[in-house]
Full PDB file with SEQRES, HELIX, SHEET, SSBOND, CRYST1, ORIGX, SCALE, CONECT and MASTER records, all heavy atoms in Angstrom:
SEQRES   1 A   33  ARG GLY CYS LEU GLU SER GLY GLY ARG VAL ASN PHE GLU          
SEQRES   2 A   33  LYS THR ALA GLU VAL ILE ILE ARG ASP LEU ARG SER GLY          
SEQRES   3 A   33  ARG LEU GLY ARG LEU THR LEU                                  
HELIX    1 AA1 PHE A   12  SER A   25  1                                  14    
CRYST1    1.000    1.000    1.000  90.00  90.00  90.00 P 1           1          
ORIGX1      1.000000  0.000000  0.000000        0.00000                         
ORIGX2      0.000000  1.000000  0.000000        0.00000                         
ORIGX3      0.000000  0.000000  1.000000        0.00000                         
SCALE1      1.000000  0.000000  0.000000        0.00000                         
SCALE2      0.000000  1.000000  0.000000        0.00000                         
SCALE3      0.000000  0.000000  1.000000        0.00000                         
ATOM      1  N   ARG A   1      24.592  10.502   1.970  1.00  0.00           N  
ATOM      2  CA  ARG A   1      23.254  11.064   2.069  1.00  0.00           C  
ATOM      3  C   ARG A   1      23.104  12.010   3.260  1.00  0.00           C  
ATOM      4  O   ARG A   1      21.996  12.429   3.584  1.00  0.00           O  
ATOM      5  CB  ARG A   1      22.218   9.928   2.174  1.00  0.00           C  
ATOM      6  CG  ARG A   1      22.202   8.997   0.957  1.00  0.00           C  
ATOM      7  CD  ARG A   1      21.748   9.707  -0.315  1.00  0.00           C  
ATOM      8  NE  ARG A   1      20.361  10.052  -0.238  1.00  0.00           N  
ATOM      9  CZ  ARG A   1      19.360   9.235  -0.548  1.00  0.00           C  
ATOM     10  NH1 ARG A   1      19.614   8.006  -0.981  1.00  0.00           N  
ATOM     11  NH2 ARG A   1      18.116   9.636  -0.454  1.00  0.00           N  
ATOM     12  N   GLY A   2      24.197  12.329   3.927  1.00  0.00           N  
ATOM     13  CA  GLY A   2      24.156  13.321   4.995  1.00  0.00           C  
ATOM     14  C   GLY A   2      23.545  12.841   6.297  1.00  0.00           C  
ATOM     15  O   GLY A   2      23.058  13.650   7.088  1.00  0.00           O  
ATOM     16  N   CYS A   3      23.606  11.535   6.547  1.00  0.00           N  
ATOM     17  CA  CYS A   3      23.047  10.982   7.795  1.00  0.00           C  
ATOM     18  C   CYS A   3      24.138  10.995   8.872  1.00  0.00           C  
ATOM     19  O   CYS A   3      24.603   9.940   9.328  1.00  0.00           O  
ATOM     20  CB  CYS A   3      22.543   9.561   7.570  1.00  0.00           C  
ATOM     21  SG  CYS A   3      21.295   9.421   6.271  1.00  0.00           S  
ATOM     22  N   LEU A   4      24.525  12.179   9.296  1.00  0.00           N  
ATOM     23  CA  LEU A   4      25.678  12.330  10.181  1.00  0.00           C  
ATOM     24  C   LEU A   4      25.292  12.893  11.542  1.00  0.00           C  
ATOM     25  O   LEU A   4      24.347  13.664  11.670  1.00  0.00           O  
ATOM     26  CB  LEU A   4      26.718  13.248   9.532  1.00  0.00           C  
ATOM     27  CG  LEU A   4      27.228  12.842   8.128  1.00  0.00           C  
ATOM     28  CD1 LEU A   4      28.160  13.910   7.578  1.00  0.00           C  
ATOM     29  CD2 LEU A   4      27.918  11.490   8.189  1.00  0.00           C  
ATOM     30  N   GLU A   5      26.023  12.454  12.552  1.00  0.00           N  
ATOM     31  CA  GLU A   5      25.889  13.000  13.899  1.00  0.00           C  
ATOM     32  C   GLU A   5      27.018  13.987  14.146  1.00  0.00           C  
ATOM     33  O   GLU A   5      27.896  14.174  13.287  1.00  0.00           O  
ATOM     34  CB  GLU A   5      25.952  11.854  14.923  1.00  0.00           C  
ATOM     35  CG  GLU A   5      24.855  10.824  14.760  1.00  0.00           C  
ATOM     36  CD  GLU A   5      25.045   9.651  15.712  1.00  0.00           C  
ATOM     37  OE1 GLU A   5      26.172   9.490  16.248  1.00  0.00           O  
ATOM     38  OE2 GLU A   5      24.075   8.889  15.917  1.00  0.00           O  
ATOM     39  N   SER A   6      26.990  14.607  15.317  1.00  0.00           N  
ATOM     40  CA  SER A   6      28.098  15.501  15.662  1.00  0.00           C  
ATOM     41  C   SER A   6      29.392  14.702  15.697  1.00  0.00           C  
ATOM     42  O   SER A   6      29.433  13.561  16.156  1.00  0.00           O  
ATOM     43  CB  SER A   6      27.856  16.135  17.042  1.00  0.00           C  
ATOM     44  OG  SER A   6      27.703  15.133  18.030  1.00  0.00           O  
ATOM     45  N   GLY A   7      30.441  15.308  15.183  1.00  0.00           N  
ATOM     46  CA  GLY A   7      31.714  14.612  15.084  1.00  0.00           C  
ATOM     47  C   GLY A   7      31.876  13.880  13.766  1.00  0.00           C  
ATOM     48  O   GLY A   7      32.901  13.234  13.532  1.00  0.00           O  
ATOM     49  N   GLY A   8      30.840  13.953  12.910  1.00  0.00           N  
ATOM     50  CA  GLY A   8      30.953  13.347  11.586  1.00  0.00           C  
ATOM     51  C   GLY A   8      30.639  11.867  11.535  1.00  0.00           C  
ATOM     52  O   GLY A   8      30.807  11.222  10.494  1.00  0.00           O  
ATOM     53  N   ARG A   9      30.167  11.280  12.647  1.00  0.00           N  
ATOM     54  CA  ARG A   9      29.823   9.860  12.655  1.00  0.00           C  
ATOM     55  C   ARG A   9      28.511   9.626  11.905  1.00  0.00           C  
ATOM     56  O   ARG A   9      27.590  10.441  11.973  1.00  0.00           O  
ATOM     57  CB  ARG A   9      29.690   9.336  14.091  1.00  0.00           C  
ATOM     58  CG  ARG A   9      30.997   9.287  14.865  1.00  0.00           C  
ATOM     59  CD  ARG A   9      30.804   8.566  16.197  1.00  0.00           C  
ATOM     60  NE  ARG A   9      29.767   9.192  16.997  1.00  0.00           N  
ATOM     61  CZ  ARG A   9      29.976  10.216  17.820  1.00  0.00           C  
ATOM     62  NH1 ARG A   9      31.195  10.738  17.930  1.00  0.00           N  
ATOM     63  NH2 ARG A   9      28.980  10.729  18.526  1.00  0.00           N  
ATOM     64  N   VAL A  10      28.448   8.499  11.211  1.00  0.00           N  
ATOM     65  CA  VAL A  10      27.227   8.144  10.474  1.00  0.00           C  
ATOM     66  C   VAL A  10      26.189   7.598  11.449  1.00  0.00           C  
ATOM     67  O   VAL A  10      26.485   6.742  12.283  1.00  0.00           O  
ATOM     68  CB  VAL A  10      27.534   7.097   9.387  1.00  0.00           C  
ATOM     69  CG1 VAL A  10      26.231   6.553   8.778  1.00  0.00           C  
ATOM     70  CG2 VAL A  10      28.402   7.700   8.287  1.00  0.00           C  
ATOM     71  N   ASN A  11      24.970   8.119  11.347  1.00  0.00           N  
ATOM     72  CA  ASN A  11      23.849   7.638  12.147  1.00  0.00           C  
ATOM     73  C   ASN A  11      23.195   6.486  11.376  1.00  0.00           C  
ATOM     74  O   ASN A  11      22.550   6.689  10.346  1.00  0.00           O  
ATOM     75  CB  ASN A  11      22.845   8.774  12.376  1.00  0.00           C  
ATOM     76  CG  ASN A  11      21.690   8.361  13.271  1.00  0.00           C  
ATOM     77  OD1 ASN A  11      21.087   7.309  13.085  1.00  0.00           O  
ATOM     78  ND2 ASN A  11      21.368   9.219  14.237  1.00  0.00           N  
ATOM     79  N   PHE A  12      23.367   5.267  11.883  1.00  0.00           N  
ATOM     80  CA  PHE A  12      22.885   4.086  11.167  1.00  0.00           C  
ATOM     81  C   PHE A  12      21.359   4.037  11.081  1.00  0.00           C  
ATOM     82  O   PHE A  12      20.806   3.557  10.088  1.00  0.00           O  
ATOM     83  CB  PHE A  12      23.415   2.810  11.828  1.00  0.00           C  
ATOM     84  CG  PHE A  12      24.791   2.421  11.362  1.00  0.00           C  
ATOM     85  CD1 PHE A  12      25.698   3.375  10.924  1.00  0.00           C  
ATOM     86  CD2 PHE A  12      25.191   1.091  11.358  1.00  0.00           C  
ATOM     87  CE1 PHE A  12      26.967   3.028  10.485  1.00  0.00           C  
ATOM     88  CE2 PHE A  12      26.461   0.729  10.917  1.00  0.00           C  
ATOM     89  CZ  PHE A  12      27.345   1.691  10.483  1.00  0.00           C  
ATOM     90  N   GLU A  13      20.666   4.532  12.111  1.00  0.00           N  
ATOM     91  CA  GLU A  13      19.209   4.509  12.069  1.00  0.00           C  
ATOM     92  C   GLU A  13      18.681   5.435  10.972  1.00  0.00           C  
ATOM     93  O   GLU A  13      17.773   5.060  10.208  1.00  0.00           O  
ATOM     94  CB  GLU A  13      18.606   4.905  13.413  1.00  0.00           C  
ATOM     95  CG  GLU A  13      17.082   4.796  13.416  1.00  0.00           C  
ATOM     96  CD  GLU A  13      16.460   5.087  14.784  1.00  0.00           C  
ATOM     97  OE1 GLU A  13      17.205   5.376  15.731  1.00  0.00           O  
ATOM     98  OE2 GLU A  13      15.223   5.025  14.872  1.00  0.00           O  
ATOM     99  N   LYS A  14      19.255   6.627  10.858  1.00  0.00           N  
ATOM    100  CA  LYS A  14      18.843   7.548   9.792  1.00  0.00           C  
ATOM    101  C   LYS A  14      19.188   6.978   8.416  1.00  0.00           C  
ATOM    102  O   LYS A  14      18.441   7.146   7.452  1.00  0.00           O  
ATOM    103  CB  LYS A  14      19.512   8.906   9.991  1.00  0.00           C  
ATOM    104  CG  LYS A  14      18.923   9.720  11.137  1.00  0.00           C  
ATOM    105  CD  LYS A  14      19.560  11.100  11.212  1.00  0.00           C  
ATOM    106  CE  LYS A  14      18.937  11.936  12.326  1.00  0.00           C  
ATOM    107  NZ  LYS A  14      19.563  13.277  12.436  1.00  0.00           N  
ATOM    108  N   THR A  15      20.342   6.314   8.338  1.00  0.00           N  
ATOM    109  CA  THR A  15      20.739   5.682   7.076  1.00  0.00           C  
ATOM    110  C   THR A  15      19.723   4.603   6.694  1.00  0.00           C  
ATOM    111  O   THR A  15      19.322   4.495   5.525  1.00  0.00           O  
ATOM    112  CB  THR A  15      22.134   5.058   7.208  1.00  0.00           C  
ATOM    113  OG1 THR A  15      23.069   6.070   7.584  1.00  0.00           O  
ATOM    114  CG2 THR A  15      22.573   4.435   5.889  1.00  0.00           C  
ATOM    115  N   ALA A  16      19.306   3.815   7.671  1.00  0.00           N  
ATOM    116  CA  ALA A  16      18.305   2.778   7.422  1.00  0.00           C  
ATOM    117  C   ALA A  16      17.007   3.397   6.914  1.00  0.00           C  
ATOM    118  O   ALA A  16      16.364   2.875   5.986  1.00  0.00           O  
ATOM    119  CB  ALA A  16      18.060   1.968   8.690  1.00  0.00           C  
ATOM    120  N   GLU A  17      16.600   4.509   7.507  1.00  0.00           N  
ATOM    121  CA  GLU A  17      15.377   5.196   7.075  1.00  0.00           C  
ATOM    122  C   GLU A  17      15.481   5.636   5.626  1.00  0.00           C  
ATOM    123  O   GLU A  17      14.507   5.556   4.869  1.00  0.00           O  
ATOM    124  CB  GLU A  17      15.109   6.397   7.982  1.00  0.00           C  
ATOM    125  CG  GLU A  17      14.664   6.019   9.391  1.00  0.00           C  
ATOM    126  CD  GLU A  17      14.580   7.221  10.327  1.00  0.00           C  
ATOM    127  OE1 GLU A  17      14.947   8.340   9.888  1.00  0.00           O  
ATOM    128  OE2 GLU A  17      14.155   7.050  11.482  1.00  0.00           O  
ATOM    129  N   VAL A  18      16.655   6.096   5.220  1.00  0.00           N  
ATOM    130  CA  VAL A  18      16.876   6.504   3.827  1.00  0.00           C  
ATOM    131  C   VAL A  18      16.704   5.321   2.891  1.00  0.00           C  
ATOM    132  O   VAL A  18      16.025   5.412   1.854  1.00  0.00           O  
ATOM    133  CB  VAL A  18      18.286   7.114   3.660  1.00  0.00           C  
ATOM    134  CG1 VAL A  18      18.670   7.202   2.183  1.00  0.00           C  
ATOM    135  CG2 VAL A  18      18.347   8.505   4.288  1.00  0.00           C  
ATOM    136  N   ILE A  19      17.306   4.195   3.239  1.00  0.00           N  
ATOM    137  CA  ILE A  19      17.229   2.997   2.387  1.00  0.00           C  
ATOM    138  C   ILE A  19      15.791   2.521   2.258  1.00  0.00           C  
ATOM    139  O   ILE A  19      15.307   2.227   1.149  1.00  0.00           O  
ATOM    140  CB  ILE A  19      18.126   1.879   2.968  1.00  0.00           C  
ATOM    141  CG1 ILE A  19      19.599   2.301   2.917  1.00  0.00           C  
ATOM    142  CG2 ILE A  19      17.928   0.570   2.199  1.00  0.00           C  
ATOM    143  CD1 ILE A  19      20.526   1.433   3.752  1.00  0.00           C  
ATOM    144  N   ILE A  20      15.085   2.455   3.378  1.00  0.00           N  
ATOM    145  CA  ILE A  20      13.687   1.992   3.358  1.00  0.00           C  
ATOM    146  C   ILE A  20      12.817   2.958   2.559  1.00  0.00           C  
ATOM    147  O   ILE A  20      11.973   2.539   1.750  1.00  0.00           O  
ATOM    148  CB  ILE A  20      13.159   1.848   4.801  1.00  0.00           C  
ATOM    149  CG1 ILE A  20      13.909   0.724   5.530  1.00  0.00           C  
ATOM    150  CG2 ILE A  20      11.658   1.576   4.803  1.00  0.00           C  
ATOM    151  CD1 ILE A  20      13.655   0.674   7.022  1.00  0.00           C  
ATOM    152  N   ARG A  21      13.026   4.250   2.765  1.00  0.00           N  
ATOM    153  CA  ARG A  21      12.251   5.257   2.031  1.00  0.00           C  
ATOM    154  C   ARG A  21      12.535   5.180   0.532  1.00  0.00           C  
ATOM    155  O   ARG A  21      11.620   5.326  -0.294  1.00  0.00           O  
ATOM    156  CB  ARG A  21      12.587   6.646   2.574  1.00  0.00           C  
ATOM    157  CG  ARG A  21      11.651   7.746   2.090  1.00  0.00           C  
ATOM    158  CD  ARG A  21      11.751   8.981   2.966  1.00  0.00           C  
ATOM    159  NE  ARG A  21      13.109   9.511   3.041  1.00  0.00           N  
ATOM    160  CZ  ARG A  21      13.832   9.573   4.155  1.00  0.00           C  
ATOM    161  NH1 ARG A  21      13.343   9.147   5.303  1.00  0.00           N  
ATOM    162  NH2 ARG A  21      15.055  10.094   4.135  1.00  0.00           N  
ATOM    163  N   ASP A  22      13.774   4.935   0.160  1.00  0.00           N  
ATOM    164  CA  ASP A  22      14.122   4.808  -1.262  1.00  0.00           C  
ATOM    165  C   ASP A  22      13.409   3.625  -1.898  1.00  0.00           C  
ATOM    166  O   ASP A  22      12.966   3.692  -3.048  1.00  0.00           O  
ATOM    167  CB  ASP A  22      15.639   4.656  -1.424  1.00  0.00           C  
ATOM    168  CG  ASP A  22      16.385   5.975  -1.280  1.00  0.00           C  
ATOM    169  OD1 ASP A  22      15.736   7.034  -1.217  1.00  0.00           O  
ATOM    170  OD2 ASP A  22      17.643   5.944  -1.228  1.00  0.00           O  
ATOM    171  N   LEU A  23      13.294   2.525  -1.146  1.00  0.00           N  
ATOM    172  CA  LEU A  23      12.590   1.359  -1.672  1.00  0.00           C  
ATOM    173  C   LEU A  23      11.106   1.663  -1.836  1.00  0.00           C  
ATOM    174  O   LEU A  23      10.536   1.437  -2.907  1.00  0.00           O  
ATOM    175  CB  LEU A  23      12.761   0.163  -0.733  1.00  0.00           C  
ATOM    176  CG  LEU A  23      11.898  -1.051  -1.097  1.00  0.00           C  
ATOM    177  CD1 LEU A  23      12.574  -1.872  -2.185  1.00  0.00           C  
ATOM    178  CD2 LEU A  23      11.599  -1.920   0.101  1.00  0.00           C  
ATOM    179  N   ARG A  24      10.477   2.187  -0.799  1.00  0.00           N  
ATOM    180  CA  ARG A  24       9.023   2.394  -0.818  1.00  0.00           C  
ATOM    181  C   ARG A  24       8.600   3.420  -1.860  1.00  0.00           C  
ATOM    182  O   ARG A  24       7.518   3.320  -2.437  1.00  0.00           O  
ATOM    183  CB  ARG A  24       8.550   2.830   0.571  1.00  0.00           C  
ATOM    184  CG  ARG A  24       8.690   1.748   1.623  1.00  0.00           C  
ATOM    185  CD  ARG A  24       8.266   2.236   2.996  1.00  0.00           C  
ATOM    186  NE  ARG A  24       8.467   1.233   4.038  1.00  0.00           N  
ATOM    187  CZ  ARG A  24       8.278   1.445   5.328  1.00  0.00           C  
ATOM    188  NH1 ARG A  24       7.860   2.634   5.758  1.00  0.00           N  
ATOM    189  NH2 ARG A  24       8.499   0.478   6.205  1.00  0.00           N  
ATOM    190  N   SER A  25       9.434   4.408  -2.097  1.00  0.00           N  
ATOM    191  CA  SER A  25       9.077   5.471  -3.047  1.00  0.00           C  
ATOM    192  C   SER A  25       9.380   5.114  -4.485  1.00  0.00           C  
ATOM    193  O   SER A  25       8.949   5.806  -5.405  1.00  0.00           O  
ATOM    194  CB  SER A  25       9.839   6.753  -2.682  1.00  0.00           C  
ATOM    195  OG  SER A  25      11.235   6.561  -2.871  1.00  0.00           O  
ATOM    196  N   GLY A  26      10.130   4.036  -4.694  1.00  0.00           N  
ATOM    197  CA  GLY A  26      10.526   3.664  -6.053  1.00  0.00           C  
ATOM    198  C   GLY A  26      11.808   4.303  -6.517  1.00  0.00           C  
ATOM    199  O   GLY A  26      12.222   4.111  -7.669  1.00  0.00           O  
ATOM    200  N   ARG A  27      12.482   5.057  -5.644  1.00  0.00           N  
ATOM    201  CA  ARG A  27      13.747   5.692  -6.050  1.00  0.00           C  
ATOM    202  C   ARG A  27      14.850   4.674  -6.326  1.00  0.00           C  
ATOM    203  O   ARG A  27      15.807   4.960  -7.047  1.00  0.00           O  
ATOM    204  CB  ARG A  27      14.216   6.680  -4.972  1.00  0.00           C  
ATOM    205  CG  ARG A  27      13.318   7.899  -4.804  1.00  0.00           C  
ATOM    206  CD  ARG A  27      13.951   8.933  -3.882  1.00  0.00           C  
ATOM    207  NE  ARG A  27      13.014   9.986  -3.534  1.00  0.00           N  
ATOM    208  CZ  ARG A  27      12.319  10.038  -2.404  1.00  0.00           C  
ATOM    209  NH1 ARG A  27      12.468   9.066  -1.505  1.00  0.00           N  
ATOM    210  NH2 ARG A  27      11.481  11.022  -2.156  1.00  0.00           N  
ATOM    211  N   LEU A  28      14.732   3.501  -5.728  1.00  0.00           N  
ATOM    212  CA  LEU A  28      15.708   2.446  -6.002  1.00  0.00           C  
ATOM    213  C   LEU A  28      15.487   1.818  -7.377  1.00  0.00           C  
ATOM    214  O   LEU A  28      16.342   1.105  -7.883  1.00  0.00           O  
ATOM    215  CB  LEU A  28      15.616   1.351  -4.932  1.00  0.00           C  
ATOM    216  CG  LEU A  28      16.392   1.592  -3.638  1.00  0.00           C  
ATOM    217  CD1 LEU A  28      16.020   0.552  -2.593  1.00  0.00           C  
ATOM    218  CD2 LEU A  28      17.885   1.569  -3.907  1.00  0.00           C  
ATOM    219  N   GLY A  29      14.333   2.073  -7.960  1.00  0.00           N  
ATOM    220  CA  GLY A  29      13.983   1.448  -9.230  1.00  0.00           C  
ATOM    221  C   GLY A  29      12.862   0.445  -9.034  1.00  0.00           C  
ATOM    222  O   GLY A  29      12.412   0.196  -7.914  1.00  0.00           O  
ATOM    223  N   ARG A  30      12.394  -0.134 -10.114  1.00  0.00           N  
ATOM    224  CA  ARG A  30      11.303  -1.102 -10.049  1.00  0.00           C  
ATOM    225  C   ARG A  30      11.866  -2.472  -9.680  1.00  0.00           C  
ATOM    226  O   ARG A  30      12.709  -3.024 -10.394  1.00  0.00           O  
ATOM    227  CB  ARG A  30      10.568  -1.156 -11.389  1.00  0.00           C  
ATOM    228  CG  ARG A  30       9.910   0.165 -11.751  1.00  0.00           C  
ATOM    229  CD  ARG A  30       9.175   0.110 -13.069  1.00  0.00           C  
ATOM    230  NE  ARG A  30       8.029  -0.787 -13.006  1.00  0.00           N  
ATOM    231  CZ  ARG A  30       7.150  -0.937 -13.993  1.00  0.00           C  
ATOM    232  NH1 ARG A  30       7.286  -0.232 -15.114  1.00  0.00           N  
ATOM    233  NH2 ARG A  30       6.121  -1.751 -13.881  1.00  0.00           N  
ATOM    234  N   LEU A  31      11.420  -2.998  -8.568  1.00  0.00           N  
ATOM    235  CA  LEU A  31      11.953  -4.276  -8.098  1.00  0.00           C  
ATOM    236  C   LEU A  31      10.897  -5.067  -7.354  1.00  0.00           C  
ATOM    237  O   LEU A  31       9.943  -4.516  -6.826  1.00  0.00           O  
ATOM    238  CB  LEU A  31      13.183  -4.067  -7.211  1.00  0.00           C  
ATOM    239  CG  LEU A  31      13.042  -3.160  -5.996  1.00  0.00           C  
ATOM    240  CD1 LEU A  31      12.672  -3.982  -4.768  1.00  0.00           C  
ATOM    241  CD2 LEU A  31      14.323  -2.404  -5.729  1.00  0.00           C  
ATOM    242  N   THR A  32      11.057  -6.380  -7.362  1.00  0.00           N  
ATOM    243  CA  THR A  32      10.163  -7.297  -6.677  1.00  0.00           C  
ATOM    244  C   THR A  32      10.970  -8.109  -5.683  1.00  0.00           C  
ATOM    245  O   THR A  32      12.065  -8.581  -6.015  1.00  0.00           O  
ATOM    246  CB  THR A  32       9.460  -8.239  -7.682  1.00  0.00           C  
ATOM    247  OG1 THR A  32       8.761  -7.423  -8.643  1.00  0.00           O  
ATOM    248  CG2 THR A  32       8.471  -9.157  -7.008  1.00  0.00           C  
ATOM    249  N   LEU A  33      10.457  -8.246  -4.464  1.00  0.00           N  
ATOM    250  CA  LEU A  33      11.228  -8.833  -3.376  1.00  0.00           C  
ATOM    251  C   LEU A  33      11.077 -10.344  -3.241  1.00  0.00           C  
ATOM    252  O   LEU A  33      11.630 -10.930  -2.307  1.00  0.00           O  
ATOM    253  CB  LEU A  33      10.850  -8.159  -2.050  1.00  0.00           C  
ATOM    254  CG  LEU A  33      11.233  -6.672  -1.941  1.00  0.00           C  
ATOM    255  CD1 LEU A  33      10.671  -6.073  -0.658  1.00  0.00           C  
ATOM    256  CD2 LEU A  33      12.746  -6.499  -1.987  1.00  0.00           C  
TER     257      LEU A  33                                                      
MASTER        0    0    0    1    0    0    0    6  256    1    0    3          
END                                                                             
C-alpha cells in the first residue's frame, strides 16, 4: 500500500492507519466485531 519511509522501510504507523481506515470505510467488506 506504499506505506514506506526513506530507504524503503515500511512505516508501521501509516500501515496501521490504512488497516483502520479500510475497516471503517467498509473496504474490508461487511463484518461484525
